[in-house]
N, C-alpha and C. Protein backbone atom coordinates (compact mmCIF):
# COMPACT_ATOMS: atom_id res chain seq x y z
N MET A 1 0.48 -20.22 56.37
CA MET A 1 -0.96 -20.28 56.16
C MET A 1 -1.23 -20.95 54.81
N GLN A 2 -2.04 -21.96 54.83
CA GLN A 2 -2.39 -22.64 53.59
C GLN A 2 -3.62 -22.01 52.96
N ARG A 3 -3.56 -21.94 51.66
CA ARG A 3 -4.70 -21.41 50.93
C ARG A 3 -5.33 -22.54 50.13
N LEU A 4 -6.62 -22.68 50.24
CA LEU A 4 -7.32 -23.70 49.47
C LEU A 4 -7.61 -23.18 48.08
N ILE A 5 -7.32 -24.00 47.12
CA ILE A 5 -7.63 -23.65 45.75
C ILE A 5 -8.81 -24.51 45.31
N ARG A 6 -9.87 -23.86 44.98
CA ARG A 6 -11.06 -24.59 44.54
C ARG A 6 -11.02 -24.80 43.03
N PRO A 7 -11.47 -25.96 42.60
CA PRO A 7 -11.53 -26.17 41.15
C PRO A 7 -12.56 -25.23 40.53
N LYS A 8 -12.25 -24.81 39.33
CA LYS A 8 -13.17 -23.92 38.62
C LYS A 8 -14.44 -24.69 38.26
N VAL A 9 -15.56 -24.17 38.69
CA VAL A 9 -16.85 -24.78 38.39
C VAL A 9 -17.66 -23.77 37.61
N SER A 10 -18.15 -24.18 36.51
CA SER A 10 -18.94 -23.29 35.67
C SER A 10 -20.24 -22.92 36.37
N MET A 11 -20.72 -21.74 36.10
CA MET A 11 -21.99 -21.32 36.66
C MET A 11 -23.17 -21.74 35.79
N ALA A 12 -22.91 -22.19 34.59
CA ALA A 12 -23.98 -22.61 33.69
C ALA A 12 -23.46 -23.70 32.76
N THR A 13 -24.16 -24.80 32.74
CA THR A 13 -23.76 -25.91 31.89
C THR A 13 -24.94 -26.33 31.04
N ILE A 14 -24.64 -26.64 29.79
CA ILE A 14 -25.61 -27.26 28.89
C ILE A 14 -25.15 -28.69 28.68
N LEU A 15 -26.07 -29.62 28.80
CA LEU A 15 -25.78 -31.02 28.53
C LEU A 15 -26.37 -31.37 27.18
N LEU A 16 -25.52 -31.77 26.26
CA LEU A 16 -25.92 -32.13 24.90
C LEU A 16 -25.83 -33.64 24.75
N VAL A 17 -26.96 -34.27 24.45
CA VAL A 17 -27.01 -35.71 24.26
C VAL A 17 -27.26 -35.95 22.77
N ASP A 18 -26.22 -36.44 22.09
CA ASP A 18 -26.32 -36.63 20.64
C ASP A 18 -25.42 -37.78 20.22
N GLU A 19 -26.00 -38.77 19.58
CA GLU A 19 -25.26 -39.97 19.18
C GLU A 19 -24.44 -39.79 17.92
N ASN A 20 -24.76 -38.79 17.12
CA ASN A 20 -24.05 -38.56 15.87
C ASN A 20 -22.85 -37.64 16.15
N PRO A 21 -21.63 -38.16 16.04
CA PRO A 21 -20.46 -37.36 16.42
C PRO A 21 -20.27 -36.10 15.59
N HIS A 22 -20.58 -36.13 14.32
CA HIS A 22 -20.40 -34.94 13.48
C HIS A 22 -21.42 -33.87 13.83
N ARG A 23 -22.68 -34.28 13.94
CA ARG A 23 -23.73 -33.33 14.30
C ARG A 23 -23.49 -32.80 15.71
N ALA A 24 -23.07 -33.66 16.63
CA ALA A 24 -22.82 -33.24 18.01
C ALA A 24 -21.70 -32.21 18.07
N SER A 25 -20.66 -32.42 17.30
CA SER A 25 -19.54 -31.47 17.29
C SER A 25 -19.98 -30.10 16.78
N LEU A 26 -20.77 -30.10 15.72
CA LEU A 26 -21.28 -28.85 15.18
C LEU A 26 -22.18 -28.15 16.20
N ARG A 27 -23.09 -28.90 16.78
CA ARG A 27 -23.99 -28.31 17.78
C ARG A 27 -23.22 -27.79 18.98
N GLN A 28 -22.22 -28.53 19.41
CA GLN A 28 -21.44 -28.09 20.56
C GLN A 28 -20.76 -26.75 20.27
N SER A 29 -20.19 -26.60 19.09
CA SER A 29 -19.52 -25.34 18.77
C SER A 29 -20.51 -24.18 18.70
N ILE A 30 -21.71 -24.44 18.23
CA ILE A 30 -22.75 -23.40 18.21
C ILE A 30 -23.16 -23.04 19.64
N LEU A 31 -23.36 -24.05 20.46
CA LEU A 31 -23.82 -23.82 21.83
C LEU A 31 -22.78 -23.13 22.69
N GLU A 32 -21.51 -23.38 22.42
CA GLU A 32 -20.46 -22.76 23.22
C GLU A 32 -20.40 -21.25 23.04
N ARG A 33 -21.08 -20.74 22.05
CA ARG A 33 -21.18 -19.29 21.89
C ARG A 33 -22.18 -18.71 22.89
N ALA A 34 -23.15 -19.53 23.33
CA ALA A 34 -24.14 -19.08 24.30
C ALA A 34 -23.68 -19.33 25.73
N VAL A 35 -23.11 -20.49 25.96
CA VAL A 35 -22.64 -20.89 27.29
C VAL A 35 -21.30 -21.60 27.10
N PRO A 36 -20.27 -21.15 27.79
CA PRO A 36 -18.95 -21.74 27.54
C PRO A 36 -18.79 -23.20 27.96
N ASP A 37 -19.65 -23.68 28.84
CA ASP A 37 -19.50 -25.04 29.34
C ASP A 37 -20.59 -25.94 28.76
N VAL A 38 -20.26 -26.61 27.67
CA VAL A 38 -21.18 -27.56 27.04
C VAL A 38 -20.57 -28.95 27.21
N VAL A 39 -21.31 -29.81 27.88
CA VAL A 39 -20.86 -31.18 28.09
C VAL A 39 -21.62 -32.05 27.10
N ARG A 40 -20.86 -32.77 26.29
CA ARG A 40 -21.45 -33.60 25.24
C ARG A 40 -21.29 -35.07 25.59
N VAL A 41 -22.40 -35.80 25.53
CA VAL A 41 -22.38 -37.24 25.72
C VAL A 41 -23.12 -37.87 24.55
N SER A 42 -22.79 -39.13 24.28
CA SER A 42 -23.41 -39.79 23.13
C SER A 42 -24.51 -40.75 23.52
N GLU A 43 -24.65 -41.05 24.79
CA GLU A 43 -25.66 -42.02 25.21
C GLU A 43 -26.52 -41.46 26.33
N PRO A 44 -27.82 -41.76 26.29
CA PRO A 44 -28.72 -41.29 27.36
C PRO A 44 -28.33 -41.83 28.74
N ALA A 45 -27.85 -43.06 28.81
CA ALA A 45 -27.45 -43.63 30.10
C ALA A 45 -26.32 -42.81 30.71
N GLU A 46 -25.39 -42.37 29.89
CA GLU A 46 -24.29 -41.54 30.36
C GLU A 46 -24.81 -40.20 30.89
N ALA A 47 -25.79 -39.64 30.20
CA ALA A 47 -26.38 -38.38 30.63
C ALA A 47 -27.07 -38.54 31.99
N LEU A 48 -27.79 -39.63 32.15
CA LEU A 48 -28.49 -39.87 33.41
C LEU A 48 -27.51 -40.06 34.56
N CYS A 49 -26.39 -40.69 34.30
CA CYS A 49 -25.34 -40.82 35.33
C CYS A 49 -24.77 -39.46 35.70
N LEU A 50 -24.55 -38.61 34.71
CA LEU A 50 -24.01 -37.27 34.98
C LEU A 50 -24.93 -36.45 35.87
N VAL A 51 -26.23 -36.49 35.61
CA VAL A 51 -27.14 -35.65 36.39
C VAL A 51 -27.27 -36.14 37.83
N GLU A 52 -26.80 -37.34 38.11
CA GLU A 52 -26.79 -37.84 39.49
C GLU A 52 -25.69 -37.17 40.32
N SER A 53 -24.69 -36.60 39.64
CA SER A 53 -23.61 -35.90 40.34
C SER A 53 -24.12 -34.56 40.85
N VAL A 54 -24.03 -34.37 42.15
CA VAL A 54 -24.54 -33.14 42.77
C VAL A 54 -23.85 -31.91 42.19
N GLU A 55 -22.54 -31.98 42.03
CA GLU A 55 -21.79 -30.82 41.52
C GLU A 55 -22.20 -30.50 40.08
N PHE A 56 -22.35 -31.53 39.27
CA PHE A 56 -22.77 -31.31 37.88
C PHE A 56 -24.19 -30.76 37.84
N ALA A 57 -25.08 -31.35 38.61
CA ALA A 57 -26.48 -30.94 38.63
C ALA A 57 -26.64 -29.49 39.08
N ARG A 58 -25.77 -29.03 39.96
CA ARG A 58 -25.87 -27.66 40.48
C ARG A 58 -25.70 -26.62 39.38
N THR A 59 -24.88 -26.91 38.37
CA THR A 59 -24.62 -25.93 37.31
C THR A 59 -25.43 -26.19 36.05
N LEU A 60 -26.15 -27.29 36.00
CA LEU A 60 -26.89 -27.65 34.79
C LEU A 60 -28.07 -26.70 34.58
N ARG A 61 -28.09 -26.04 33.42
CA ARG A 61 -29.16 -25.09 33.12
C ARG A 61 -30.06 -25.54 32.00
N LEU A 62 -29.60 -26.50 31.16
CA LEU A 62 -30.39 -26.92 30.02
C LEU A 62 -29.87 -28.25 29.51
N VAL A 63 -30.80 -29.13 29.12
CA VAL A 63 -30.45 -30.39 28.48
C VAL A 63 -31.01 -30.35 27.07
N ILE A 64 -30.17 -30.69 26.09
CA ILE A 64 -30.60 -30.73 24.70
C ILE A 64 -30.40 -32.15 24.20
N THR A 65 -31.44 -32.68 23.58
CA THR A 65 -31.39 -34.05 23.08
C THR A 65 -32.21 -34.15 21.80
N GLY A 66 -32.10 -35.29 21.17
CA GLY A 66 -32.93 -35.59 20.02
C GLY A 66 -34.09 -36.47 20.45
N ASN A 67 -34.94 -36.81 19.52
CA ASN A 67 -36.09 -37.63 19.82
C ASN A 67 -35.83 -39.11 19.60
N HIS A 68 -34.78 -39.42 18.85
CA HIS A 68 -34.44 -40.81 18.56
C HIS A 68 -33.09 -41.13 19.18
N LEU A 69 -33.09 -42.06 20.11
CA LEU A 69 -31.87 -42.45 20.80
C LEU A 69 -31.75 -43.96 20.80
N THR A 70 -30.55 -44.46 20.94
CA THR A 70 -30.32 -45.89 20.97
C THR A 70 -30.48 -46.40 22.41
N GLY A 71 -31.20 -47.50 22.56
CA GLY A 71 -31.35 -48.11 23.87
C GLY A 71 -32.52 -47.60 24.67
N ILE A 72 -32.95 -46.41 24.41
CA ILE A 72 -34.08 -45.79 25.10
C ILE A 72 -34.68 -44.77 24.14
N THR A 73 -35.97 -44.66 24.10
CA THR A 73 -36.56 -43.67 23.20
C THR A 73 -36.37 -42.28 23.77
N GLY A 74 -36.47 -41.28 22.90
CA GLY A 74 -36.37 -39.90 23.34
C GLY A 74 -37.37 -39.57 24.43
N PRO A 75 -38.66 -39.91 24.24
CA PRO A 75 -39.65 -39.61 25.28
C PRO A 75 -39.36 -40.33 26.61
N GLU A 76 -38.85 -41.56 26.55
CA GLU A 76 -38.50 -42.27 27.79
C GLU A 76 -37.35 -41.57 28.50
N PHE A 77 -36.36 -41.16 27.71
CA PHE A 77 -35.22 -40.45 28.29
C PHE A 77 -35.66 -39.15 28.94
N VAL A 78 -36.50 -38.40 28.24
CA VAL A 78 -36.98 -37.12 28.77
C VAL A 78 -37.78 -37.34 30.06
N SER A 79 -38.63 -38.36 30.08
CA SER A 79 -39.41 -38.66 31.29
C SER A 79 -38.50 -38.99 32.47
N GLU A 80 -37.50 -39.81 32.22
CA GLU A 80 -36.55 -40.19 33.28
C GLU A 80 -35.76 -38.97 33.74
N LEU A 81 -35.34 -38.15 32.82
CA LEU A 81 -34.59 -36.93 33.16
C LEU A 81 -35.45 -35.98 33.98
N ARG A 82 -36.70 -35.79 33.57
CA ARG A 82 -37.60 -34.89 34.29
C ARG A 82 -37.90 -35.40 35.69
N ALA A 83 -37.97 -36.73 35.85
CA ALA A 83 -38.19 -37.30 37.17
C ALA A 83 -37.02 -36.98 38.10
N ARG A 84 -35.82 -36.98 37.56
CA ARG A 84 -34.63 -36.71 38.36
C ARG A 84 -34.35 -35.23 38.53
N MET A 85 -34.68 -34.42 37.52
CA MET A 85 -34.37 -32.99 37.54
C MET A 85 -35.56 -32.20 37.00
N PRO A 86 -36.62 -32.09 37.77
CA PRO A 86 -37.84 -31.45 37.25
C PRO A 86 -37.72 -29.97 36.93
N ARG A 87 -36.72 -29.30 37.47
CA ARG A 87 -36.60 -27.85 37.24
C ARG A 87 -35.70 -27.48 36.08
N VAL A 88 -34.96 -28.43 35.55
CA VAL A 88 -34.04 -28.14 34.45
C VAL A 88 -34.80 -28.29 33.13
N PRO A 89 -34.84 -27.24 32.32
CA PRO A 89 -35.55 -27.33 31.04
C PRO A 89 -34.85 -28.29 30.08
N VAL A 90 -35.65 -28.90 29.23
CA VAL A 90 -35.16 -29.84 28.22
C VAL A 90 -35.60 -29.34 26.85
N LEU A 91 -34.68 -29.34 25.92
CA LEU A 91 -34.98 -28.99 24.53
C LEU A 91 -34.80 -30.24 23.68
N VAL A 92 -35.86 -30.64 23.02
CA VAL A 92 -35.80 -31.80 22.14
C VAL A 92 -35.75 -31.29 20.71
N LEU A 93 -34.64 -31.58 20.03
CA LEU A 93 -34.47 -31.17 18.64
C LEU A 93 -35.04 -32.27 17.75
N MET A 94 -35.92 -31.88 16.87
CA MET A 94 -36.64 -32.85 16.05
C MET A 94 -36.57 -32.47 14.59
N ASN A 95 -36.84 -33.45 13.74
CA ASN A 95 -36.99 -33.12 12.33
C ASN A 95 -38.48 -32.93 12.04
N ASN A 96 -38.80 -32.45 10.88
CA ASN A 96 -40.20 -32.10 10.56
C ASN A 96 -41.16 -33.28 10.59
N GLU A 97 -40.65 -34.50 10.42
CA GLU A 97 -41.51 -35.67 10.43
C GLU A 97 -41.96 -36.06 11.84
N GLU A 98 -41.40 -35.45 12.85
CA GLU A 98 -41.66 -35.86 14.23
C GLU A 98 -42.66 -34.97 14.95
N LYS A 99 -43.52 -34.32 14.23
CA LYS A 99 -44.46 -33.39 14.84
C LYS A 99 -45.37 -34.03 15.88
N GLN A 100 -45.64 -35.32 15.75
CA GLN A 100 -46.53 -35.99 16.69
C GLN A 100 -45.97 -36.02 18.11
N ALA A 101 -44.67 -35.90 18.28
CA ALA A 101 -44.07 -35.95 19.61
C ALA A 101 -44.54 -34.79 20.49
N LYS A 102 -44.87 -33.68 19.89
CA LYS A 102 -45.32 -32.52 20.67
C LYS A 102 -46.64 -32.78 21.37
N GLU A 103 -47.41 -33.77 20.88
CA GLU A 103 -48.68 -34.08 21.51
C GLU A 103 -48.49 -34.62 22.93
N ASN A 104 -47.36 -35.24 23.19
CA ASN A 104 -47.08 -35.80 24.50
C ASN A 104 -46.17 -34.90 25.32
N ALA A 105 -46.27 -33.62 25.10
CA ALA A 105 -45.37 -32.66 25.75
C ALA A 105 -45.52 -32.71 27.27
N GLN A 106 -44.40 -32.51 27.94
CA GLN A 106 -44.37 -32.46 29.39
C GLN A 106 -44.00 -31.05 29.83
N PRO A 107 -44.38 -30.66 31.03
CA PRO A 107 -43.97 -29.34 31.52
C PRO A 107 -42.45 -29.25 31.56
N GLY A 108 -41.92 -28.11 31.14
CA GLY A 108 -40.49 -27.89 31.15
C GLY A 108 -39.75 -28.45 29.96
N VAL A 109 -40.50 -29.04 29.01
CA VAL A 109 -39.89 -29.62 27.82
C VAL A 109 -40.32 -28.80 26.61
N SER A 110 -39.35 -28.33 25.84
CA SER A 110 -39.61 -27.57 24.63
C SER A 110 -39.19 -28.41 23.43
N TYR A 111 -39.84 -28.18 22.32
CA TYR A 111 -39.52 -28.90 21.08
C TYR A 111 -39.14 -27.87 20.03
N SER A 112 -38.15 -28.22 19.22
CA SER A 112 -37.70 -27.28 18.20
C SER A 112 -37.35 -28.03 16.94
N TYR A 113 -37.61 -27.37 15.83
CA TYR A 113 -37.20 -27.88 14.53
C TYR A 113 -36.05 -27.03 14.01
N ALA A 114 -35.27 -26.47 14.91
CA ALA A 114 -34.16 -25.58 14.55
C ALA A 114 -33.23 -26.30 13.56
N ASN A 115 -33.17 -25.78 12.36
CA ASN A 115 -32.36 -26.40 11.32
C ASN A 115 -31.07 -25.64 11.04
N SER A 116 -30.99 -24.41 11.48
CA SER A 116 -29.79 -23.63 11.21
C SER A 116 -29.10 -23.29 12.53
N PRO A 117 -27.82 -22.98 12.46
CA PRO A 117 -27.11 -22.56 13.68
C PRO A 117 -27.77 -21.35 14.35
N GLU A 118 -28.25 -20.42 13.55
CA GLU A 118 -28.89 -19.22 14.11
C GLU A 118 -30.17 -19.58 14.86
N GLU A 119 -30.96 -20.49 14.30
CA GLU A 119 -32.20 -20.90 14.96
C GLU A 119 -31.90 -21.64 16.27
N LEU A 120 -30.91 -22.51 16.24
CA LEU A 120 -30.54 -23.25 17.46
C LEU A 120 -30.07 -22.28 18.53
N ARG A 121 -29.21 -21.37 18.15
CA ARG A 121 -28.68 -20.40 19.11
C ARG A 121 -29.79 -19.53 19.69
N ALA A 122 -30.71 -19.07 18.85
CA ALA A 122 -31.82 -18.23 19.32
C ALA A 122 -32.72 -19.01 20.28
N THR A 123 -32.99 -20.26 19.97
CA THR A 123 -33.83 -21.09 20.83
C THR A 123 -33.17 -21.31 22.18
N VAL A 124 -31.88 -21.62 22.17
CA VAL A 124 -31.14 -21.85 23.41
C VAL A 124 -31.07 -20.56 24.23
N ASP A 125 -30.76 -19.45 23.60
CA ASP A 125 -30.71 -18.16 24.31
C ASP A 125 -32.05 -17.86 24.97
N ASP A 126 -33.14 -18.11 24.26
CA ASP A 126 -34.47 -17.86 24.80
C ASP A 126 -34.74 -18.74 26.03
N LEU A 127 -34.42 -20.02 25.93
CA LEU A 127 -34.64 -20.93 27.07
C LEU A 127 -33.77 -20.55 28.26
N LEU A 128 -32.52 -20.20 28.03
CA LEU A 128 -31.64 -19.81 29.13
C LEU A 128 -32.12 -18.51 29.78
N ASN A 129 -32.59 -17.59 28.99
CA ASN A 129 -33.11 -16.33 29.54
C ASN A 129 -34.37 -16.57 30.38
N LYS A 130 -35.25 -17.46 29.92
CA LYS A 130 -36.45 -17.79 30.70
C LYS A 130 -36.08 -18.43 32.02
N THR A 131 -35.10 -19.33 31.99
CA THR A 131 -34.65 -20.01 33.20
C THR A 131 -34.07 -19.02 34.18
N THR A 132 -33.28 -18.08 33.69
CA THR A 132 -32.66 -17.08 34.55
C THR A 132 -33.72 -16.21 35.21
N ARG A 133 -34.73 -15.81 34.43
CA ARG A 133 -35.80 -14.97 34.98
C ARG A 133 -36.61 -15.72 36.03
N GLN A 134 -36.88 -17.01 35.80
CA GLN A 134 -37.67 -17.80 36.74
C GLN A 134 -36.94 -18.05 38.05
N SER A 135 -35.61 -18.19 37.99
CA SER A 135 -34.86 -18.48 39.21
C SER A 135 -34.50 -17.22 39.98
N ALA A 136 -34.72 -16.05 39.37
CA ALA A 136 -34.38 -14.78 40.04
C ALA A 136 -35.45 -14.37 41.02
């Protein structure tokens, strides 16, 4: 009798889109305390390709990005992402000078000025808890 071995698939994935490798590494280590499966990409195009994968999309619980990206603006990326995955929340990490971006807020998109690891972790925990309650 043959037994099928299924590959381990995470039940919750965070997609981190960050072009700065040092900042991305730090954020990834912070986020892995909340959810063990953090997938980090450096380009928005790569992120959009990932969300097209049915298996990846099934476990995706949160997308975290910045407001300034190369090749596509943060708002354009968020709009494209929301068109493809309207139920997955998006967290846009911004600096204090970017307050005007909140004026163009979309449903399911949160903005944060989280500057410390504790603030980032608390924001992510809150979003993941809201998502869990809404899907229950």
